[in-house]
């Protein structure tokens, strides 16, 4: 059974955001603006995305 995957893209700068939000973005594997990662859809990843939802866009792969 294939696991569901999410494509997460950083669309806003982390400059001026909280340190914990910057750490969350790095934890998702995002570096610069418009960088993307394909991640497995888990509750942990969903929680991280929800925390920084104003900085990223998410689409299903």
PDB file of N, CA and C in Angstrom:
ATOM      1  N   UNK A   1       0.841  -1.188   0.000  1.00  0.00           N
ATOM      2  CA  UNK A   1       0.000   0.000   0.000  1.00  0.00           C
ATOM      3  C   UNK A   1       0.886   1.251   0.000  1.00  0.00           C
ATOM      4  N   UNK A   2       0.660   2.117  -0.941  1.00  0.00           N
ATOM      5  CA  UNK A   2       1.457   3.336  -1.049  1.00  0.00           C
ATOM      6  C   UNK A   2       1.021   4.350   0.001  1.00  0.00           C
ATOM      7  N   UNK A   3       2.004   5.018   0.597  1.00  0.00           N
ATOM      8  CA  UNK A   3       1.698   6.040   1.589  1.00  0.00           C
ATOM      9  C   UNK A   3       1.345   7.343   0.896  1.00  0.00           C
ATOM     10  N   UNK A   4       0.421   8.084   1.484  1.00  0.00           N
ATOM     11  CA  UNK A   4       0.040   9.383   0.946  1.00  0.00           C
ATOM     12  C   UNK A   4       1.199  10.356   1.131  1.00  0.00           C
ATOM     13  N   UNK A   5       1.420  11.210   0.139  1.00  0.00           N
ATOM     14  CA  UNK A   5       2.520  12.161   0.215  1.00  0.00           C
ATOM     15  C   UNK A   5       2.006  13.579   0.010  1.00  0.00           C
ATOM     16  N   UNK A   6       2.715  14.522   0.609  1.00  0.00           N
ATOM     17  CA  UNK A   6       2.382  15.936   0.504  1.00  0.00           C
ATOM     18  C   UNK A   6       3.580  16.697  -0.047  1.00  0.00           C
ATOM     19  N   UNK A   7       3.310  17.633  -0.944  1.00  0.00           N
ATOM     20  CA  UNK A   7       4.367  18.520  -1.423  1.00  0.00           C
ATOM     21  C   UNK A   7       4.211  19.839  -0.691  1.00  0.00           C
ATOM     22  N   UNK A   8       5.236  20.213   0.052  1.00  0.00           N
ATOM     23  CA  UNK A   8       5.222  21.430   0.859  1.00  0.00           C
ATOM     24  C   UNK A   8       6.199  22.429   0.241  1.00  0.00           C
ATOM     25  N   UNK A   9       5.737  23.659  -0.008  1.00  0.00           N
ATOM     26  CA  UNK A   9       6.565  24.696  -0.623  1.00  0.00           C
ATOM     27  C   UNK A   9       6.570  25.938   0.268  1.00  0.00           C
ATOM     28  N   UNK A  10       7.752  26.482   0.516  1.00  0.00           N
ATOM     29  CA  UNK A  10       7.889  27.708   1.296  1.00  0.00           C
ATOM     30  C   UNK A  10       7.606  28.896   0.378  1.00  0.00           C
ATOM     31  N   UNK A  11       6.544  29.648   0.657  1.00  0.00           N
ATOM     32  CA  UNK A  11       6.148  30.744  -0.240  1.00  0.00           C
ATOM     33  C   UNK A  11       6.304  32.123   0.398  1.00  0.00           C
ATOM     34  N   UNK A  12       6.584  32.172   1.696  1.00  0.00           N
ATOM     35  CA  UNK A  12       6.837  33.459   2.354  1.00  0.00           C
ATOM     36  C   UNK A  12       8.135  33.360   3.137  1.00  0.00           C
ATOM     37  N   UNK A  13       8.809  34.468   3.283  1.00  0.00           N
ATOM     38  CA  UNK A  13      10.087  34.513   3.981  1.00  0.00           C
ATOM     39  C   UNK A  13       9.899  34.270   5.477  1.00  0.00           C
ATOM     40  N   UNK A  14      10.909  33.663   6.086  1.00  0.00           N
ATOM     41  CA  UNK A  14      10.878  33.432   7.529  1.00  0.00           C
ATOM     42  C   UNK A  14      11.453  34.608   8.309  1.00  0.00           C
ATOM     43  N   UNK A  15      11.925  35.630   7.604  1.00  0.00           N
ATOM     44  CA  UNK A  15      12.461  36.818   8.274  1.00  0.00           C
ATOM     45  C   UNK A  15      11.336  37.481   9.071  1.00  0.00           C
ATOM     46  N   UNK A  16      11.614  37.757  10.320  1.00  0.00           N
ATOM     47  CA  UNK A  16      10.633  38.419  11.168  1.00  0.00           C
ATOM     48  C   UNK A  16       9.647  37.476  11.842  1.00  0.00           C
ATOM     49  N   UNK A  17       9.804  36.174  11.642  1.00  0.00           N
ATOM     50  CA  UNK A  17       8.910  35.216  12.290  1.00  0.00           C
ATOM     51  C   UNK A  17       9.528  34.742  13.601  1.00  0.00           C
ATOM     52  N   UNK A  18       8.747  34.030  14.381  1.00  0.00           N
ATOM     53  CA  UNK A  18       9.250  33.495  15.644  1.00  0.00           C
ATOM     54  C   UNK A  18      10.325  32.452  15.401  1.00  0.00           C
ATOM     55  N   UNK A  19      11.235  32.351  16.352  1.00  0.00           N
ATOM     56  CA  UNK A  19      12.324  31.382  16.239  1.00  0.00           C
ATOM     57  C   UNK A  19      11.783  29.949  16.137  1.00  0.00           C
ATOM     58  N   UNK A  20      10.734  29.643  16.866  1.00  0.00           N
ATOM     59  CA  UNK A  20      10.179  28.288  16.805  1.00  0.00           C
ATOM     60  C   UNK A  20       9.566  27.997  15.441  1.00  0.00           C
ATOM     61  N   UNK A  21       9.025  29.014  14.788  1.00  0.00           N
ATOM     62  CA  UNK A  21       8.473  28.829  13.446  1.00  0.00           C
ATOM     63  C   UNK A  21       9.596  28.620  12.431  1.00  0.00           C
ATOM     64  N   UNK A  22      10.697  29.333  12.602  1.00  0.00           N
ATOM     65  CA  UNK A  22      11.848  29.138  11.720  1.00  0.00           C
ATOM     66  C   UNK A  22      12.408  27.731  11.881  1.00  0.00           C
ATOM     67  N   UNK A  23      12.453  27.259  13.118  1.00  0.00           N
ATOM     68  CA  UNK A  23      12.942  25.901  13.376  1.00  0.00           C
ATOM     69  C   UNK A  23      12.009  24.862  12.762  1.00  0.00           C
ATOM     70  N   UNK A  24      10.725  25.123  12.790  1.00  0.00           N
ATOM     71  CA  UNK A  24       9.750  24.202  12.203  1.00  0.00           C
ATOM     72  C   UNK A  24       9.920  24.134  10.693  1.00  0.00           C
ATOM     73  N   UNK A  25      10.135  25.281  10.055  1.00  0.00           N
ATOM     74  CA  UNK A  25      10.357  25.309   8.605  1.00  0.00           C
ATOM     75  C   UNK A  25      11.610  24.505   8.260  1.00  0.00           C
ATOM     76  N   UNK A  26      12.684  24.674   9.029  1.00  0.00           N
ATOM     77  CA  UNK A  26      13.913  23.903   8.796  1.00  0.00           C
ATOM     78  C   UNK A  26      13.663  22.420   9.047  1.00  0.00           C
ATOM     79  N   UNK A  27      12.843  22.110  10.039  1.00  0.00           N
ATOM     80  CA  UNK A  27      12.504  20.725  10.337  1.00  0.00           C
ATOM     81  C   UNK A  27      11.739  20.054   9.215  1.00  0.00           C
ATOM     82  N   UNK A  28      10.992  20.837   8.469  1.00  0.00           N
ATOM     83  CA  UNK A  28      10.281  20.311   7.305  1.00  0.00           C
ATOM     84  C   UNK A  28      11.227  20.119   6.118  1.00  0.00           C
ATOM     85  N   UNK A  29      12.464  20.614   6.254  1.00  0.00           N
ATOM     86  CA  UNK A  29      13.453  20.446   5.199  1.00  0.00           C
ATOM     87  C   UNK A  29      13.446  21.560   4.175  1.00  0.00           C
ATOM     88  N   UNK A  30      12.820  22.671   4.505  1.00  0.00           N
ATOM     89  CA  UNK A  30      12.740  23.805   3.586  1.00  0.00           C
ATOM     90  C   UNK A  30      13.854  24.787   3.902  1.00  0.00           C
ATOM     91  N   UNK A  31      14.513  25.274   2.867  1.00  0.00           N
ATOM     92  CA  UNK A  31      15.628  26.187   3.077  1.00  0.00           C
ATOM     93  C   UNK A  31      15.272  27.581   2.601  1.00  0.00           C
ATOM     94  N   UNK A  32      15.395  27.831   1.311  1.00  0.00           N
ATOM     95  CA  UNK A  32      15.128  29.163   0.786  1.00  0.00           C
ATOM     96  C   UNK A  32      13.707  29.302   0.287  1.00  0.00           C
ATOM     97  N   UNK A  33      13.383  30.503  -0.099  1.00  0.00           N
ATOM     98  CA  UNK A  33      12.072  30.795  -0.652  1.00  0.00           C
ATOM     99  C   UNK A  33      11.823  29.930  -1.889  1.00  0.00           C
ATOM    100  N   UNK A  34      10.617  29.443  -2.020  1.00  0.00           N
ATOM    101  CA  UNK A  34      10.179  28.578  -3.125  1.00  0.00           C
ATOM    102  C   UNK A  34      10.833  27.200  -3.134  1.00  0.00           C
ATOM    103  N   UNK A  35      11.480  26.813  -2.037  1.00  0.00           N
ATOM    104  CA  UNK A  35      12.002  25.449  -1.964  1.00  0.00           C
ATOM    105  C   UNK A  35      10.850  24.513  -1.623  1.00  0.00           C
ATOM    106  N   UNK A  36      10.925  23.289  -2.123  1.00  0.00           N
ATOM    107  CA  UNK A  36       9.853  22.312  -1.934  1.00  0.00           C
ATOM    108  C   UNK A  36      10.416  20.999  -1.433  1.00  0.00           C
ATOM    109  N   UNK A  37       9.573  20.252  -0.728  1.00  0.00           N
ATOM    110  CA  UNK A  37       9.904  18.903  -0.284  1.00  0.00           C
ATOM    111  C   UNK A  37       8.665  18.055  -0.424  1.00  0.00           C
ATOM    112  N   UNK A  38       8.857  16.807  -0.769  1.00  0.00           N
ATOM    113  CA  UNK A  38       7.757  15.845  -0.767  1.00  0.00           C
ATOM    114  C   UNK A  38       7.918  15.018   0.500  1.00  0.00           C
ATOM    115  N   UNK A  39       6.894  15.071   1.361  1.00  0.00           N
ATOM    116  CA  UNK A  39       6.952  14.418   2.666  1.00  0.00           C
ATOM    117  C   UNK A  39       5.813  13.420   2.806  1.00  0.00           C
ATOM    118  N   UNK A  40       6.027  12.395   3.625  1.00  0.00           N
ATOM    119  CA  UNK A  40       4.984  11.420   3.897  1.00  0.00           C
ATOM    120  C   UNK A  40       3.955  12.063   4.823  1.00  0.00           C
ATOM    121  N   UNK A  41       2.688  11.820   4.539  1.00  0.00           N
ATOM    122  CA  UNK A  41       1.591  12.406   5.309  1.00  0.00           C
ATOM    123  C   UNK A  41       1.431  11.682   6.639  1.00  0.00           C
ATOM    124  N   UNK A  42       1.995  12.272   7.700  1.00  0.00           N
ATOM    125  CA  UNK A  42       1.868  11.722   9.051  1.00  0.00           C
ATOM    126  C   UNK A  42       1.289  12.798   9.958  1.00  0.00           C
ATOM    127  N   UNK A  43       0.754  12.422  11.113  1.00  0.00           N
ATOM    128  CA  UNK A  43       0.233  13.427  12.047  1.00  0.00           C
ATOM    129  C   UNK A  43       1.298  14.440  12.481  1.00  0.00           C
ATOM    130  N   UNK A  44       2.551  13.981  12.601  1.00  0.00           N
ATOM    131  CA  UNK A  44       3.626  14.882  13.009  1.00  0.00           C
ATOM    132  C   UNK A  44       3.882  15.944  11.944  1.00  0.00           C
ATOM    133  N   UNK A  45       3.935  15.523  10.688  1.00  0.00           N
ATOM    134  CA  UNK A  45       4.159  16.466   9.598  1.00  0.00           C
ATOM    135  C   UNK A  45       2.967  17.408   9.474  1.00  0.00           C
ATOM    136  N   UNK A  46       1.758  16.888   9.605  1.00  0.00           N
ATOM    137  CA  UNK A  46       0.560  17.737   9.545  1.00  0.00           C
ATOM    138  C   UNK A  46       0.589  18.806  10.630  1.00  0.00           C
ATOM    139  N   UNK A  47       1.040  18.452  11.827  1.00  0.00           N
ATOM    140  CA  UNK A  47       1.134  19.418  12.914  1.00  0.00           C
ATOM    141  C   UNK A  47       2.143  20.509  12.627  1.00  0.00           C
ATOM    142  N   UNK A  48       3.278  20.120  12.037  1.00  0.00           N
ATOM    143  CA  UNK A  48       4.298  21.107  11.681  1.00  0.00           C
ATOM    144  C   UNK A  48       3.775  22.054  10.609  1.00  0.00           C
ATOM    145  N   UNK A  49       3.060  21.493   9.631  1.00  0.00           N
ATOM    146  CA  UNK A  49       2.493  22.324   8.564  1.00  0.00           C
ATOM    147  C   UNK A  49       1.464  23.276   9.141  1.00  0.00           C
ATOM    148  N   UNK A  50       0.635  22.799  10.049  1.00  0.00           N
ATOM    149  CA  UNK A  50      -0.400  23.644  10.647  1.00  0.00           C
ATOM    150  C   UNK A  50       0.217  24.809  11.416  1.00  0.00           C
ATOM    151  N   UNK A  51       1.367  24.565  12.042  1.00  0.00           N
ATOM    152  CA  UNK A  51       2.037  25.606  12.824  1.00  0.00           C
ATOM    153  C   UNK A  51       2.522  26.755  11.945  1.00  0.00           C
ATOM    154  N   UNK A  52       2.986  26.438  10.738  1.00  0.00           N
ATOM    155  CA  UNK A  52       3.543  27.465   9.851  1.00  0.00           C
ATOM    156  C   UNK A  52       2.712  27.590   8.573  1.00  0.00           C
ATOM    157  N   UNK A  53       1.405  27.368   8.672  1.00  0.00           N
ATOM    158  CA  UNK A  53       0.545  27.361   7.487  1.00  0.00           C
ATOM    159  C   UNK A  53       0.526  28.687   6.744  1.00  0.00           C
ATOM    160  N   UNK A  54       0.878  29.771   7.419  1.00  0.00           N
ATOM    161  CA  UNK A  54       0.901  31.086   6.767  1.00  0.00           C
ATOM    162  C   UNK A  54       2.166  31.294   5.938  1.00  0.00           C
ATOM    163  N   UNK A  55       3.128  30.375   6.040  1.00  0.00           N
ATOM    164  CA  UNK A  55       4.382  30.481   5.294  1.00  0.00           C
ATOM    165  C   UNK A  55       4.475  29.498   4.134  1.00  0.00           C
ATOM    166  N   UNK A  56       3.655  28.469   4.138  1.00  0.00           N
ATOM    167  CA  UNK A  56       3.799  27.375   3.159  1.00  0.00           C
ATOM    168  C   UNK A  56       2.515  27.114   2.408  1.00  0.00           C
ATOM    169  N   UNK A  57       2.654  26.461   1.258  1.00  0.00           N
ATOM    170  CA  UNK A  57       1.499  25.900   0.554  1.00  0.00           C
ATOM    171  C   UNK A  57       1.699  24.396   0.499  1.00  0.00           C
ATOM    172  N   UNK A  58       0.572  23.672   0.484  1.00  0.00           N
ATOM    173  CA  UNK A  58       0.611  22.219   0.522  1.00  0.00           C
ATOM    174  C   UNK A  58      -0.282  21.672  -0.581  1.00  0.00           C
ATOM    175  N   UNK A  59       0.217  20.664  -1.282  1.00  0.00           N
ATOM    176  CA  UNK A  59      -0.602  19.967  -2.278  1.00  0.00           C
ATOM    177  C   UNK A  59      -0.320  18.478  -2.155  1.00  0.00           C
ATOM    178  N   UNK A  60      -1.308  17.663  -2.517  1.00  0.00           N
ATOM    179  CA  UNK A  60      -1.123  16.223  -2.480  1.00  0.00           C
ATOM    180  C   UNK A  60      -0.403  15.764  -3.736  1.00  0.00           C
ATOM    181  N   UNK A  61       0.442  14.771  -3.573  1.00  0.00           N
ATOM    182  CA  UNK A  61       1.191  14.223  -4.709  1.00  0.00           C
ATOM    183  C   UNK A  61       0.525  12.941  -5.142  1.00  0.00           C
TER     184      UNK A  61
END
